[in-house]
Amino acid sequence: MATRLLWYTVLCLLGANSKVIQTPRYLVKGQGQKAKMRCIPEKGHPVVFWYQQNKNNEFKFLINFQNQEVLQQIDMTEKRFSAECPSNSPCSLEIQSSEAGDSALYLCASSLNWSQDTQYFGPGTRLLVL
């Protein structure tokens, strides 16, 4: 139920004049190649989240930061995934050695605070691993 509610929130906010910028929009990599995605959060938002939505529309939380410090993260998929959010630079999510199962939409969101219900999403980066 919570996942479904989160998904509806994502759909509502994806087009809500968000100032979250994600690059690139599309990324094609071969297996074993490094894949790097960047995100510039909305101005004044100290909290940044990364999510993965796979081809089955399963929505998975990966990591979040507040003022460049990691607040929560999952196992980051066997340490192949890494993320950082330095001050005065775009945040990034990197996959060290891409696998076919990593093909997904990667979404970055920002918020004024980690417990706030409202997150503003970027357009996402669609990764295809061949």
Protein backbone atom coordinates (compact mmCIF):
# COMPACT_ATOMS: atom_id res chain seq x y z
CA MET A 1 0.00 0.00 0.00
CA ALA A 2 2.79 2.45 0.92
CA THR A 3 4.57 1.70 -2.36
CA ARG A 4 1.40 2.36 -4.34
CA LEU A 5 0.85 5.67 -2.51
CA LEU A 6 4.44 6.69 -3.18
CA TRP A 7 4.01 5.80 -6.85
CA TYR A 8 0.90 8.00 -7.15
CA THR A 9 2.81 10.83 -5.48
CA VAL A 10 5.59 10.38 -8.04
CA LEU A 11 3.14 10.55 -10.93
CA CYS A 12 1.57 13.72 -9.56
CA LEU A 13 4.86 15.49 -9.00
CA LEU A 14 6.80 14.46 -12.11
CA GLY A 15 5.21 17.22 -14.12
CA ALA A 16 4.59 19.71 -11.33
CA ASN A 17 6.98 22.43 -12.57
CA SER A 18 9.87 20.79 -10.78
CA LYS A 19 13.23 22.46 -11.03
CA VAL A 20 15.06 19.18 -10.44
CA ILE A 21 17.37 18.61 -13.41
CA GLN A 22 18.61 15.16 -14.42
CA THR A 23 21.17 14.30 -17.08
CA PRO A 24 21.35 12.46 -19.32
CA ARG A 25 17.72 11.64 -20.13
CA TYR A 26 18.74 8.42 -21.92
CA LEU A 27 21.82 6.29 -21.36
CA VAL A 28 22.78 3.12 -23.27
CA LYS A 29 25.62 0.98 -21.94
CA GLY A 30 27.08 -2.44 -22.60
CA GLN A 31 27.32 -5.00 -19.81
CA GLY A 32 30.31 -4.27 -17.60
CA GLN A 33 30.44 -0.58 -18.52
CA LYS A 34 30.19 2.25 -16.02
CA ALA A 35 26.95 4.27 -16.03
CA LYS A 36 26.78 7.70 -14.39
CA MET A 37 23.68 9.85 -13.88
CA ARG A 38 23.59 13.38 -12.50
CA CYS A 39 21.01 15.42 -10.64
CA ILE A 40 20.76 19.07 -9.67
CA PRO A 41 18.16 19.41 -6.89
CA GLU A 42 15.68 22.26 -6.67
CA LYS A 43 17.33 25.39 -5.28
CA GLY A 44 17.13 25.52 -1.49
CA HIS A 45 16.39 21.79 -1.13
CA PRO A 46 19.04 20.16 1.09
CA VAL A 47 17.56 16.65 0.81
CA VAL A 48 18.11 14.49 -2.28
CA PHE A 49 16.67 11.02 -3.00
CA TRP A 50 17.48 8.43 -5.69
CA TYR A 51 14.95 5.80 -6.79
CA GLN A 52 14.92 3.02 -9.38
CA GLN A 53 11.80 2.01 -11.31
CA ASN A 54 12.30 -1.25 -13.21
CA LYS A 55 10.46 -2.59 -16.28
CA ASN A 56 7.81 -4.17 -14.00
CA ASN A 57 7.08 -0.70 -12.58
CA GLU A 58 8.52 -1.73 -9.21
CA PHE A 59 9.66 1.40 -7.42
CA LYS A 60 12.76 0.98 -5.23
CA PHE A 61 14.40 3.49 -2.88
CA LEU A 62 18.18 3.55 -3.28
CA ILE A 63 19.66 6.34 -1.13
CA ASN A 64 19.05 9.81 0.25
CA PHE A 65 21.25 12.66 1.39
CA GLN A 66 20.80 15.71 3.57
CA ASN A 67 23.41 18.46 3.26
CA GLN A 68 25.78 16.08 1.46
CA GLU A 69 25.55 13.41 4.20
CA VAL A 70 23.96 10.00 3.60
CA LEU A 71 20.79 9.60 5.68
CA GLN A 72 19.56 6.19 4.50
CA GLN A 73 20.54 3.69 1.86
CA ILE A 74 19.91 0.14 0.80
CA ASP A 75 22.77 -2.27 0.17
CA MET A 76 23.37 -0.38 -3.11
CA THR A 77 23.27 -3.67 -5.03
CA GLU A 78 26.41 -5.53 -4.02
CA LYS A 79 28.49 -2.35 -3.88
CA ARG A 80 28.27 -1.84 -7.64
CA PHE A 81 26.19 1.30 -7.04
CA SER A 82 27.64 4.44 -5.49
CA ALA A 83 26.25 7.92 -5.00
CA GLU A 84 27.46 11.29 -3.83
CA CYS A 85 25.99 14.72 -3.37
CA PRO A 86 28.83 17.25 -2.95
CA SER A 87 28.13 20.89 -2.21
CA ASN A 88 28.16 23.22 -5.23
CA SER A 89 28.19 20.27 -7.67
CA PRO A 90 25.54 18.00 -9.16
CA CYS A 91 24.64 14.88 -7.20
CA SER A 92 25.44 11.64 -8.97
CA LEU A 93 24.50 7.98 -9.02
CA GLU A 94 27.01 5.62 -10.59
CA ILE A 95 26.89 1.94 -11.47
CA GLN A 96 30.44 0.58 -11.58
CA SER A 97 29.76 -2.46 -13.78
CA SER A 98 26.35 -2.40 -15.46
CA GLU A 99 24.25 -5.54 -15.78
CA ALA A 100 21.15 -6.16 -17.91
CA GLY A 101 19.02 -6.14 -14.74
CA ASP A 102 20.08 -2.53 -14.09
CA SER A 103 18.02 -1.37 -17.09
CA ALA A 104 15.47 0.94 -15.49
CA LEU A 105 14.30 4.51 -14.99
CA TYR A 106 16.40 6.25 -12.32
CA LEU A 107 14.66 9.12 -10.60
CA CYS A 108 16.15 11.89 -8.51
CA ALA A 109 13.96 13.90 -6.16
CA SER A 110 14.58 16.74 -3.74
CA SER A 111 12.81 18.06 -0.70
CA LEU A 112 13.08 20.69 2.00
CA ASN A 113 13.39 17.99 4.64
CA TRP A 114 13.68 14.22 4.77
CA SER A 115 10.43 13.65 6.66
CA GLN A 116 8.35 15.94 4.46
CA ASP A 117 5.74 14.23 2.31
CA THR A 118 6.39 16.37 -0.76
CA GLN A 119 9.29 15.38 -3.00
CA TYR A 120 9.95 17.10 -6.30
CA PHE A 121 11.10 14.72 -9.03
CA GLY A 122 13.28 15.22 -12.05
CA PRO A 123 12.35 13.69 -15.41
CA GLY A 124 14.52 10.64 -14.78
CA THR A 125 17.34 8.92 -16.62
CA ARG A 126 16.33 5.87 -18.66
CA LEU A 127 19.21 3.36 -18.59
CA LEU A 128 19.35 0.52 -21.10
CA VAL A 129 22.07 -2.09 -20.60
CA LEU A 130 22.65 -4.25 -23.69
